[in-house]
PDB file of N, CA and C in Angstrom:
ATOM      1  N   MET A   1     -27.753 149.324-113.685  1.00  0.00           N
ATOM      2  CA  MET A   1     -28.763 150.324-113.401  1.00  0.00           C
ATOM      3  C   MET A   1     -29.513 149.887-112.149  1.00  0.00           C
ATOM      4  N   SER A   2     -29.608 150.797-111.210  1.00  0.00           N
ATOM      5  CA  SER A   2     -30.270 150.477-109.947  1.00  0.00           C
ATOM      6  C   SER A   2     -31.775 150.718-110.044  1.00  0.00           C
ATOM      7  N   GLY A   3     -32.473 150.208-109.072  1.00  0.00           N
ATOM      8  CA  GLY A   3     -33.912 150.426-109.011  1.00  0.00           C
ATOM      9  C   GLY A   3     -34.263 151.897-108.865  1.00  0.00           C
ATOM     10  N   ASP A   4     -33.425 152.630-108.119  1.00  0.00           N
ATOM     11  CA  ASP A   4     -33.654 154.069-107.963  1.00  0.00           C
ATOM     12  C   ASP A   4     -33.565 154.789-109.303  1.00  0.00           C
ATOM     13  N   GLU A   5     -32.598 154.386-110.116  1.00  0.00           N
ATOM     14  CA  GLU A   5     -32.438 155.013-111.434  1.00  0.00           C
ATOM     15  C   GLU A   5     -33.639 154.715-112.323  1.00  0.00           C
ATOM     16  N   VAL A   6     -34.106 153.481-112.290  1.00  0.00           N
ATOM     17  CA  VAL A   6     -35.272 153.097-113.095  1.00  0.00           C
ATOM     18  C   VAL A   6     -36.494 153.899-112.661  1.00  0.00           C
ATOM     19  N   ALA A   7     -36.700 154.021-111.359  1.00  0.00           N
ATOM     20  CA  ALA A   7     -37.846 154.776-110.850  1.00  0.00           C
ATOM     21  C   ALA A   7     -37.765 156.245-111.266  1.00  0.00           C
ATOM     22  N   ALA A   8     -36.567 156.821-111.220  1.00  0.00           N
ATOM     23  CA  ALA A   8     -36.401 158.226-111.604  1.00  0.00           C
ATOM     24  C   ALA A   8     -36.680 158.423-113.090  1.00  0.00           C
ATOM     25  N   ILE A   9     -36.215 157.502-113.921  1.00  0.00           N
ATOM     26  CA  ILE A   9     -36.460 157.599-115.364  1.00  0.00           C
ATOM     27  C   ILE A   9     -37.949 157.452-115.657  1.00  0.00           C
ATOM     28  N   GLN A  10     -38.600 156.512-114.980  1.00  0.00           N
ATOM     29  CA  GLN A  10     -40.037 156.333-115.181  1.00  0.00           C
ATOM     30  C   GLN A  10     -40.803 157.580-114.756  1.00  0.00           C
ATOM     31  N   ALA A  11     -40.406 158.166-113.636  1.00  0.00           N
ATOM     32  CA  ALA A  11     -41.063 159.389-113.169  1.00  0.00           C
ATOM     33  C   ALA A  11     -40.870 160.520-114.173  1.00  0.00           C
ATOM     34  N   LEU A  12     -39.671 160.623-114.722  1.00  0.00           N
ATOM     35  CA  LEU A  12     -39.395 161.650-115.729  1.00  0.00           C
ATOM     36  C   LEU A  12     -40.310 161.480-116.934  1.00  0.00           C
ATOM     37  N   GLU A  13     -40.390 160.268-117.443  1.00  0.00           N
ATOM     38  CA  GLU A  13     -41.208 160.030-118.636  1.00  0.00           C
ATOM     39  C   GLU A  13     -42.688 160.251-118.347  1.00  0.00           C
ATOM     40  N   GLN A  14     -43.149 159.902-117.152  1.00  0.00           N
ATOM     41  CA  GLN A  14     -44.541 160.162-116.785  1.00  0.00           C
ATOM     42  C   GLN A  14     -44.809 161.663-116.739  1.00  0.00           C
ATOM     43  N   PHE A  15     -43.856 162.424-116.204  1.00  0.00           N
ATOM     44  CA  PHE A  15     -43.986 163.877-116.156  1.00  0.00           C
ATOM     45  C   PHE A  15     -44.099 164.448-117.561  1.00  0.00           C
ATOM     46  N   VAL A  16     -43.250 163.959-118.464  1.00  0.00           N
ATOM     47  CA  VAL A  16     -43.271 164.440-119.851  1.00  0.00           C
ATOM     48  C   VAL A  16     -44.612 164.112-120.503  1.00  0.00           C
ATOM     49  N   LEU A  17     -45.098 162.891-120.316  1.00  0.00           N
ATOM     50  CA  LEU A  17     -46.374 162.505-120.916  1.00  0.00           C
ATOM     51  C   LEU A  17     -47.529 163.338-120.363  1.00  0.00           C
ATOM     52  N   TYR A  18     -47.484 163.637-119.078  1.00  0.00           N
ATOM     53  CA  TYR A  18     -48.571 164.372-118.433  1.00  0.00           C
ATOM     54  C   TYR A  18     -48.557 165.853-118.786  1.00  0.00           C
ATOM     55  N   THR A  19     -47.357 166.450-118.831  1.00  0.00           N
ATOM     56  CA  THR A  19     -47.264 167.901-119.006  1.00  0.00           C
ATOM     57  C   THR A  19     -46.849 168.335-120.406  1.00  0.00           C
ATOM     58  N   GLY A  20     -46.193 167.440-121.150  1.00  0.00           N
ATOM     59  CA  GLY A  20     -45.661 167.817-122.454  1.00  0.00           C
ATOM     60  C   GLY A  20     -44.372 168.615-122.349  1.00  0.00           C
ATOM     61  N   ILE A  21     -43.828 168.701-121.145  1.00  0.00           N
ATOM     62  CA  ILE A  21     -42.601 169.465-120.899  1.00  0.00           C
ATOM     63  C   ILE A  21     -41.508 168.504-120.464  1.00  0.00           C
ATOM     64  N   ARG A  22     -40.331 168.614-121.099  1.00  0.00           N
ATOM     65  CA  ARG A  22     -39.194 167.780-120.697  1.00  0.00           C
ATOM     66  C   ARG A  22     -38.240 168.626-119.860  1.00  0.00           C
ATOM     67  N   PRO A  23     -38.064 168.262-118.580  1.00  0.00           N
ATOM     68  CA  PRO A  23     -37.126 168.999-117.732  1.00  0.00           C
ATOM     69  C   PRO A  23     -35.700 168.908-118.277  1.00  0.00           C
ATOM     70  N   THR A  24     -34.892 169.889-117.908  1.00  0.00           N
ATOM     71  CA  THR A  24     -33.483 169.848-118.289  1.00  0.00           C
ATOM     72  C   THR A  24     -32.800 168.714-117.530  1.00  0.00           C
ATOM     73  N   ASP A  25     -31.621 168.348-117.984  1.00  0.00           N
ATOM     74  CA  ASP A  25     -30.872 167.299-117.292  1.00  0.00           C
ATOM     75  C   ASP A  25     -30.564 167.716-115.858  1.00  0.00           C
ATOM     76  N   GLU A  26     -30.263 168.994-115.658  1.00  0.00           N
ATOM     77  CA  GLU A  26     -29.979 169.479-114.301  1.00  0.00           C
ATOM     78  C   GLU A  26     -31.212 169.329-113.401  1.00  0.00           C
ATOM     79  N   GLN A  27     -32.383 169.673-113.917  1.00  0.00           N
ATOM     80  CA  GLN A  27     -33.611 169.522-113.141  1.00  0.00           C
ATOM     81  C   GLN A  27     -33.870 168.057-112.818  1.00  0.00           C
ATOM     82  N   TYR A  28     -33.644 167.187-113.791  1.00  0.00           N
ATOM     83  CA  TYR A  28     -33.821 165.751-113.572  1.00  0.00           C
ATOM     84  C   TYR A  28     -32.881 165.261-112.472  1.00  0.00           C
ATOM     85  N   GLN A  29     -31.618 165.659-112.531  1.00  0.00           N
ATOM     86  CA  GLN A  29     -30.639 165.221-111.532  1.00  0.00           C
ATOM     87  C   GLN A  29     -31.017 165.727-110.142  1.00  0.00           C
ATOM     88  N   GLN A  30     -31.478 166.956-110.045  1.00  0.00           N
ATOM     89  CA  GLN A  30     -31.891 167.510-108.755  1.00  0.00           C
ATOM     90  C   GLN A  30     -33.100 166.762-108.200  1.00  0.00           C
ATOM     91  N   ALA A  31     -34.058 166.462-109.051  1.00  0.00           N
ATOM     92  CA  ALA A  31     -35.246 165.736-108.609  1.00  0.00           C
ATOM     93  C   ALA A  31     -34.893 164.317-108.169  1.00  0.00           C
ATOM     94  N   ALA A  32     -34.009 163.659-108.908  1.00  0.00           N
ATOM     95  CA  ALA A  32     -33.595 162.303-108.550  1.00  0.00           C
ATOM     96  C   ALA A  32     -32.857 162.306-107.214  1.00  0.00           C
ATOM     97  N   ALA A  33     -31.993 163.289-106.993  1.00  0.00           N
ATOM     98  CA  ALA A  33     -31.266 163.386-105.723  1.00  0.00           C
ATOM     99  C   ALA A  33     -32.234 163.644-104.572  1.00  0.00           C
ATOM    100  N   PHE A  34     -33.220 164.493-104.794  1.00  0.00           N
ATOM    101  CA  PHE A  34     -34.227 164.784-103.775  1.00  0.00           C
ATOM    102  C   PHE A  34     -35.009 163.521-103.422  1.00  0.00           C
ATOM    103  N   ALA A  35     -35.391 162.752-104.434  1.00  0.00           N
ATOM    104  CA  ALA A  35     -36.151 161.519-104.205  1.00  0.00           C
ATOM    105  C   ALA A  35     -35.321 160.496-103.434  1.00  0.00           C
ATOM    106  N   ARG A  36     -34.037 160.396-103.758  1.00  0.00           N
ATOM    107  CA  ARG A  36     -33.168 159.445-103.051  1.00  0.00           C
ATOM    108  C   ARG A  36     -32.972 159.845-101.590  1.00  0.00           C
ATOM    109  N   ALA A  37     -32.963 161.147-101.320  1.00  0.00           N
ATOM    110  CA  ALA A  37     -32.751 161.631 -99.954  1.00  0.00           C
ATOM    111  C   ALA A  37     -33.966 161.352 -99.070  1.00  0.00           C
ATOM    112  N   GLY A  38     -35.118 161.184 -99.712  1.00  0.00           N
ATOM    113  CA  GLY A  38     -36.397 160.933 -99.185  1.00  0.00           C
ATOM    114  C   GLY A  38     -36.761 160.762 -97.843  1.00  0.00           C
TER     115      GLY A  38
END
């Protein structure tokens, strides 16, 4: 597992804790790709 993957998972869980909404896997993958392209 790379550092990028860990950061994306942490961001996902923070989003869920803050909003109470869990994005779909497709949304998560798109957000992670966007962050990596940075």
